[in-house]
Amino acid sequence: MMRLLGGKTLAVDSAAAAAAAAAAKKTFDVNQVSQELEQQFKAGIHQKFDAGGQRRGLGA
């Protein structure tokens, strides 16, 4: 049952696993995330107002 929940059958050193997971993660760049969010926001506003056509969805 633990295997279905993501458990391992072999004992794994938790410190080594945590270090490997931290090395695998990309660094968090606030400026890049901010730029991507702003780009998505502008694309959404453009799609909602400037694209014309029939509005769709809830709250459109």
Protein backbone atom coordinates (compact mmCIF):
# COMPACT_ATOMS: atom_id res chain seq x y z
CA MET A 1 0.00 0.00 0.00
CA MET A 2 2.82 2.43 0.76
CA ARG A 3 4.25 1.77 -2.70
CA LEU A 4 1.03 3.16 -4.23
CA LEU A 5 1.41 6.30 -2.16
CA GLY A 6 4.96 6.90 -3.40
CA GLY A 7 6.84 5.02 -0.70
CA LYS A 8 10.13 3.30 -1.47
CA THR A 9 10.93 -0.29 -0.67
CA LEU A 10 14.55 0.50 0.13
CA ALA A 11 15.60 2.83 2.93
CA VAL A 12 16.92 6.06 1.43
CA ASP A 13 19.09 8.57 3.26
CA SER A 14 16.77 11.55 3.66
CA ALA A 15 19.61 14.10 3.73
CA ALA A 16 21.00 12.82 0.44
CA ALA A 17 17.54 12.79 -1.11
CA ALA A 18 16.89 16.36 0.04
CA ALA A 19 20.22 17.54 -1.38
CA ALA A 20 19.50 15.86 -4.72
CA ALA A 21 16.04 17.43 -4.87
CA ALA A 22 17.43 20.88 -4.09
CA ALA A 23 20.06 20.54 -6.81
CA ALA A 24 17.44 19.44 -9.33
CA LYS A 25 15.20 22.49 -8.73
CA LYS A 26 15.74 25.59 -10.83
CA THR A 27 16.58 28.81 -9.06
CA PHE A 28 13.65 31.12 -8.42
CA ASP A 29 14.06 34.36 -10.39
CA VAL A 30 11.52 36.94 -9.25
CA ASN A 31 12.08 39.23 -12.25
CA GLN A 32 11.50 36.44 -14.75
CA VAL A 33 8.35 35.27 -12.97
CA SER A 34 7.07 38.85 -12.83
CA GLN A 35 7.67 39.33 -16.56
CA GLU A 36 5.91 36.07 -17.42
CA LEU A 37 2.89 36.97 -15.28
CA GLU A 38 2.69 40.41 -16.85
CA GLN A 39 2.88 38.90 -20.33
CA GLN A 40 0.09 36.43 -19.50
CA PHE A 41 -2.03 39.24 -18.06
CA LYS A 42 -1.60 41.41 -21.15
CA ALA A 43 -2.41 38.48 -23.42
CA GLY A 44 -5.58 37.80 -21.42
CA ILE A 45 -6.68 41.44 -21.56
CA HIS A 46 -6.01 41.52 -25.30
CA GLN A 47 -8.01 38.34 -25.81
CA LYS A 48 -10.88 39.63 -23.71
CA PHE A 49 -11.23 43.13 -25.13
CA ASP A 50 -9.23 43.63 -28.33
CA ALA A 51 -9.73 40.32 -30.11
CA GLY A 52 -13.42 41.00 -30.71
CA GLY A 53 -15.80 38.23 -31.56
CA GLN A 54 -18.15 36.47 -29.21
CA ARG A 55 -17.29 36.49 -25.55
CA ARG A 56 -17.16 33.09 -23.90
CA GLY A 57 -17.16 31.60 -20.45
CA LEU A 58 -18.31 32.71 -17.04
CA GLY A 59 -17.72 36.33 -16.20
CA ALA A 60 -16.70 37.27 -19.75
